[in-house]
Protein backbone atom coordinates (compact mmCIF):
# COMPACT_ATOMS: atom_id res chain seq x y z
CA UNK A 1 71.42 143.51 75.07
CA UNK A 2 68.60 144.46 77.38
CA UNK A 3 68.86 147.77 79.28
CA UNK A 4 69.51 145.83 82.49
CA UNK A 5 72.47 143.95 81.01
CA UNK A 6 73.84 147.18 79.57
CA UNK A 7 73.54 148.85 82.97
CA UNK A 8 75.27 145.89 84.64
CA UNK A 9 78.21 146.14 82.24
CA UNK A 10 78.50 149.87 82.88
CA UNK A 11 78.42 149.23 86.63
CA UNK A 12 81.17 146.60 86.40
CA UNK A 13 83.19 148.93 84.17
CA UNK A 14 82.85 151.81 86.62
CA UNK A 15 83.88 149.62 89.55
CA UNK A 16 86.94 148.34 87.65
CA UNK A 17 87.93 151.89 86.67
CA UNK A 18 87.54 153.25 90.20
CA UNK A 19 89.57 150.39 91.70
CA UNK A 20 92.31 150.94 89.11
CA UNK A 21 92.27 154.62 90.05
CA UNK A 22 92.58 153.68 93.73
CA UNK A 23 95.44 151.30 92.92
CA UNK A 24 97.42 153.94 91.03
CA UNK A 25 96.76 156.42 93.81
CA UNK A 26 97.93 153.94 96.45
CA UNK A 27 101.19 153.30 94.58
CA UNK A 28 102.24 156.89 95.38
CA UNK A 29 102.58 155.69 98.97
CA UNK A 30 101.34 158.94 100.44
CA UNK A 31 104.37 160.83 99.13
CA UNK A 32 101.98 163.38 97.61
CA UNK A 33 99.43 164.94 100.00
CA UNK A 34 95.94 163.71 99.25
CA UNK A 35 94.34 167.03 98.31
CA UNK A 36 97.31 167.95 96.15
CA UNK A 37 96.99 164.60 94.43
CA UNK A 38 93.24 165.09 93.89
CA UNK A 39 93.91 168.56 92.49
CA UNK A 40 96.55 167.34 90.03
CA UNK A 41 94.42 164.37 89.02
CA UNK A 42 91.46 166.67 88.44
CA UNK A 43 93.46 169.11 86.32
CA UNK A 44 94.69 166.24 84.14
CA UNK A 45 91.16 164.83 83.81
CA UNK A 46 89.77 168.23 82.81
CA UNK A 47 92.57 168.63 80.27
CA UNK A 48 91.73 165.22 78.78
CA UNK A 49 88.06 166.17 78.48
CA UNK A 50 88.95 169.45 76.74
CA UNK A 51 91.37 167.73 74.35
CA UNK A 52 88.85 164.99 73.53
CA UNK A 53 85.84 167.29 73.45
CA UNK A 54 83.15 165.61 71.38
CA UNK A 55 85.16 162.43 70.77
CA UNK A 56 84.07 160.71 73.97
CA UNK A 57 80.44 161.30 73.12
CA UNK A 58 78.09 164.25 72.65
CA UNK A 59 78.73 167.12 75.01
CA UNK A 60 77.00 170.47 75.31
CA UNK A 61 75.79 172.86 77.99
CA UNK A 62 72.31 173.55 76.59
CA UNK A 63 70.35 172.06 79.45
CA UNK A 64 66.92 172.84 80.80
CA UNK A 65 66.60 174.56 84.16
CA UNK A 66 65.40 171.29 85.67
CA UNK A 67 68.44 169.39 84.38
CA UNK A 68 70.85 172.11 85.52
CA UNK A 69 69.34 171.83 88.98
CA UNK A 70 69.84 168.05 88.98
CA UNK A 71 73.43 168.41 87.73
CA UNK A 72 74.09 170.94 90.50
CA UNK A 73 72.63 168.59 93.11
CA UNK A 74 74.68 165.71 91.74
CA UNK A 75 77.89 167.76 91.68
CA UNK A 76 77.30 168.98 95.24
CA UNK A 77 76.70 165.40 96.34
CA UNK A 78 79.96 164.36 94.63
CA UNK A 79 81.87 166.98 96.61
CA UNK A 80 80.13 166.03 99.86
CA UNK A 81 80.86 162.35 99.33
CA UNK A 82 84.53 163.11 98.61
CA UNK A 83 84.95 165.26 101.72
CA UNK A 84 83.27 162.92 104.20
CA UNK A 85 84.83 159.79 102.69
CA UNK A 86 88.35 161.21 102.79
CA UNK A 87 87.89 162.54 106.33
CA UNK A 88 86.61 159.18 107.55
CA UNK A 89 89.39 157.36 105.70
CA UNK A 90 92.06 159.15 107.72
CA UNK A 91 90.36 158.58 111.07
CA UNK A 92 88.96 155.04 111.14
CA UNK A 93 89.98 151.49 110.17
CA UNK A 94 89.60 150.81 106.46
CA UNK A 95 87.69 147.57 107.13
CA UNK A 96 84.99 149.37 109.07
CA UNK A 97 84.76 152.11 106.45
CA UNK A 98 84.52 149.56 103.64
CA UNK A 99 81.77 147.70 105.46
CA UNK A 100 79.71 150.86 105.83
CA UNK A 101 80.17 151.84 102.17
CA UNK A 102 78.97 148.45 100.98
CA UNK A 103 75.49 149.43 102.14
CA UNK A 104 75.24 151.50 98.94
CA UNK A 105 73.47 148.86 96.84
CA UNK A 106 70.82 148.63 99.54
CA UNK A 107 70.41 152.40 99.96
CA UNK A 108 70.29 153.08 96.22
CA UNK A 109 67.86 150.23 95.58
CA UNK A 110 65.60 151.25 98.45
CA UNK A 111 65.86 154.89 97.39
CA UNK A 112 64.77 154.01 93.86
CA UNK A 113 61.86 152.02 95.24
CA UNK A 114 60.74 154.82 97.58
CA UNK A 115 61.42 157.86 95.38
CA UNK A 116 60.78 156.48 91.89
CA UNK A 117 58.43 153.62 92.81
CA UNK A 118 60.66 151.08 91.05
CA UNK A 119 59.49 147.54 91.56
CA UNK A 120 61.99 145.46 93.53
CA UNK A 121 61.24 141.74 93.43
CA UNK A 122 62.09 139.51 96.34
CA UNK A 123 64.69 137.62 94.30
CA UNK A 124 66.62 140.79 93.44
CA UNK A 125 66.42 142.09 96.98
CA UNK A 126 67.56 138.70 98.30
CA UNK A 127 70.52 138.78 95.87
CA UNK A 128 71.55 142.14 97.28
CA UNK A 129 71.38 140.83 100.85
CA UNK A 130 73.37 137.70 99.99
CA UNK A 131 75.99 139.82 98.23
CA UNK A 132 76.15 142.07 101.28
CA UNK A 133 76.80 138.98 103.45
CA UNK A 134 79.70 138.09 101.14
CA UNK A 135 81.04 141.62 101.54
CA UNK A 136 80.98 141.24 105.32
CA UNK A 137 83.12 138.11 105.03
CA UNK A 138 85.63 140.08 102.96
CA UNK A 139 85.98 143.19 105.08
CA UNK A 140 85.42 141.48 108.48
CA UNK A 141 84.48 144.68 110.30
CA UNK A 142 84.99 144.88 114.04
CA UNK A 143 82.44 146.19 116.47
CA UNK A 144 84.87 148.61 118.09
CA UNK A 145 85.64 152.04 116.75
CA UNK A 146 82.11 153.02 115.71
CA UNK A 147 82.36 156.72 116.47
CA UNK A 148 81.93 160.12 114.83
CA UNK A 149 84.09 159.02 111.89
CA UNK A 150 81.71 156.14 111.26
CA UNK A 151 78.96 158.76 111.12
CA UNK A 152 81.05 160.60 108.52
CA UNK A 153 81.14 157.38 106.47
CA UNK A 154 77.36 157.07 106.72
CA UNK A 155 77.03 160.66 105.54
CA UNK A 156 79.24 159.75 102.56
CA UNK A 157 76.86 156.89 101.77
CA UNK A 158 73.98 159.36 101.89
CA UNK A 159 75.72 161.71 99.44
CA UNK A 160 76.55 158.90 97.00
CA UNK A 161 72.93 157.75 97.16
CA UNK A 162 71.75 161.28 96.37
CA UNK A 163 74.27 161.45 93.52
CA UNK A 164 73.06 158.23 91.91
CA UNK A 165 69.36 158.97 92.36
CA UNK A 166 69.70 162.50 90.96
CA UNK A 167 71.49 161.03 87.93
CA UNK A 168 68.48 158.79 87.47
CA UNK A 169 66.20 161.82 87.03
CA UNK A 170 68.24 163.52 84.31
CA UNK A 171 66.60 163.86 80.90
CA UNK A 172 67.83 161.60 78.13
CA UNK A 173 68.86 164.71 76.20
CA UNK A 174 71.58 165.50 78.77
CA UNK A 175 74.91 164.09 77.48
CA UNK A 176 76.67 161.81 79.95
CA UNK A 177 79.95 163.58 79.20
CA UNK A 178 78.43 166.87 80.36
CA UNK A 179 77.54 165.27 83.69
CA UNK A 180 81.00 163.69 83.89
CA UNK A 181 82.66 167.05 83.25
CA UNK A 182 80.56 168.69 85.97
CA UNK A 183 81.57 165.98 88.46
CA UNK A 184 85.30 166.30 87.68
CA UNK A 185 85.10 170.09 87.78
CA UNK A 186 83.30 170.15 91.14
CA UNK A 187 85.73 167.79 92.90
CA UNK A 188 88.71 169.60 91.37
CA UNK A 189 87.33 172.94 92.51
CA UNK A 190 86.92 171.57 96.02
CA UNK A 191 90.46 170.17 96.12
CA UNK A 192 91.83 173.47 94.77
CA UNK A 193 90.92 175.16 98.03
CA UNK A 194 91.47 172.12 100.28
CA UNK A 195 95.09 171.66 99.12
CA UNK A 196 96.08 174.93 100.79
CA UNK A 197 95.60 173.21 104.17
CA UNK A 198 98.79 171.17 103.56
CA UNK A 199 102.24 172.14 102.23
CA UNK A 200 102.86 171.63 98.52
CA UNK A 201 105.51 168.97 97.79
CA UNK A 202 107.53 168.26 94.62
CA UNK A 203 106.18 165.45 92.44
CA UNK A 204 108.57 162.84 91.04
CA UNK A 205 108.39 161.48 87.50
CA UNK A 206 106.93 158.17 88.69
CA UNK A 207 104.27 159.91 90.72
CA UNK A 208 103.31 162.01 87.69
CA UNK A 209 102.82 158.77 85.73
CA UNK A 210 100.71 157.27 88.53
CA UNK A 211 98.60 160.42 88.89
CA UNK A 212 98.08 160.64 85.12
CA UNK A 213 96.97 157.01 84.99
CA UNK A 214 94.66 157.64 87.94
CA UNK A 215 93.17 160.63 86.09
CA UNK A 216 92.38 158.45 83.07
CA UNK A 217 90.78 155.74 85.19
CA UNK A 218 88.76 158.12 87.37
CA UNK A 219 87.45 159.83 84.23
CA UNK A 220 86.32 156.44 82.93
CA UNK A 221 84.80 155.64 86.32
CA UNK A 222 82.81 158.88 86.40
CA UNK A 223 81.54 158.36 82.85
CA UNK A 224 80.52 154.75 83.40
CA UNK A 225 78.87 155.56 86.73
CA UNK A 226 76.73 158.20 84.98
CA UNK A 227 75.77 155.75 82.25
CA UNK A 228 75.00 153.10 84.85
CA UNK A 229 72.18 155.09 86.44
CA UNK A 230 70.58 155.99 83.12
CA UNK A 231 69.66 152.50 81.89
CA UNK A 232 67.96 149.47 83.38
CA UNK A 233 66.49 148.87 86.81
CA UNK A 234 68.47 150.03 89.83
CA UNK A 235 67.47 146.90 91.77
CA UNK A 236 69.03 144.73 89.05
CA UNK A 237 72.19 146.78 88.58
CA UNK A 238 72.94 147.49 92.26
CA UNK A 239 74.46 144.06 93.16
CA UNK A 240 77.12 144.52 90.48
CA UNK A 241 78.64 147.28 92.61
CA UNK A 242 80.10 144.45 94.70
CA UNK A 243 82.35 143.45 91.76
CA UNK A 244 84.63 146.29 92.78
CA UNK A 245 85.74 144.10 95.68
CA UNK A 246 86.72 141.33 93.25
CA UNK A 247 88.89 143.79 91.34
CA UNK A 248 90.38 145.01 94.62
CA UNK A 249 91.34 141.45 95.59
CA UNK A 250 92.99 140.75 92.23
CA UNK A 251 94.92 144.02 92.03
CA UNK A 252 95.85 143.87 95.70
CA UNK A 253 97.53 140.52 95.06
CA UNK A 254 99.17 141.45 91.74
CA UNK A 255 100.39 144.94 92.68
CA UNK A 256 100.89 144.85 96.45
CA UNK A 257 101.32 141.12 97.12
CA UNK A 258 98.35 140.95 99.47
CA UNK A 259 97.05 137.37 99.25
CA UNK A 260 93.51 137.11 100.70
CA UNK A 261 92.72 134.79 103.58
CA UNK A 262 90.22 131.91 103.05
CA UNK A 263 87.23 133.81 104.46
CA UNK A 264 87.94 136.63 102.01
CA UNK A 265 87.99 134.18 99.10
CA UNK A 266 84.70 132.67 100.27
CA UNK A 267 83.16 136.13 100.46
CA UNK A 268 84.42 136.99 96.98
CA UNK A 269 82.91 133.76 95.64
CA UNK A 270 79.55 134.65 97.18
CA UNK A 271 79.70 138.10 95.60
CA UNK A 272 80.52 136.62 92.19
CA UNK A 273 77.74 134.04 92.55
CA UNK A 274 75.28 136.81 93.37
CA UNK A 275 76.10 138.61 90.14
CA UNK A 276 75.84 135.39 88.10
CA UNK A 277 72.47 134.58 89.64
CA UNK A 278 71.18 138.07 88.86
CA UNK A 279 72.34 137.70 85.26
CA UNK A 280 70.61 134.31 85.05
CA UNK A 281 67.35 135.79 86.34
CA UNK A 282 67.60 138.58 83.77
CA UNK A 283 67.98 136.05 80.94
CA UNK A 284 64.96 134.12 82.21
CA UNK A 285 62.69 137.16 82.59
CA UNK A 286 63.67 138.74 79.26
CA UNK A 287 63.62 135.53 77.18
CA UNK A 288 60.94 135.80 74.48
CA UNK A 289 58.00 133.47 74.81
CA UNK A 290 57.82 130.57 72.33
CA UNK A 291 55.24 130.94 69.55
CA UNK A 292 51.88 129.30 70.27
């Protein structure tokens, strides 16, 4: 496969893993305080990394000063994104928050074009815009409620953009598992202190199972998201971030019985069509020329 197709698969894998993590987290029904849940999930993820050290791919800490700086920036951005996203989540409608976060393919693509001078063709940029229109049909954001918490959501978008673009600059010698471990460790360290702001509650057996499953999926999501930004063109891979909404629709129906309304299905179809068109364009542009 071409680097672009590989990156697209990693992007779709990361979106599926993150949505599965969100689903398992949501099944706890808020019985476990959020920061306590993040702390427990992080401890389990770190334990999995330690137990599987070297089996999930090369992993070492022998990085250059430049790469350590990028890993530190990325880890700080991961913490910032987590804080502002969670804060906004508890203070604004989910539809409005989702709509703001779906600007990520645009911000990452534009950031890659401005910072790294990546070429973004009009077809790829148009595919991103069409996919974004499909997202708007799904989330149906209202115009009311755009306040300080919406600004928090925009700040979260900024941090995720910084995270992805800093990943892009890492040397090829830096193992993806090392970057994944740094991300898990940073968010867990943050939640370690944040959990003291709420009382600790007992965790039932079912909630332990859900949190453990969430830890596995979030670890996969982190790893795939790192891999995503290390291959292919950002402008090609970015539209596949929208596939997370497709997973959310499917799991929302299967797990929680939430059947989407017609406009949501239309939006999901547009998102899927955008990804298929981008794949088609990749096959056309990478097809070898016939012999003379």
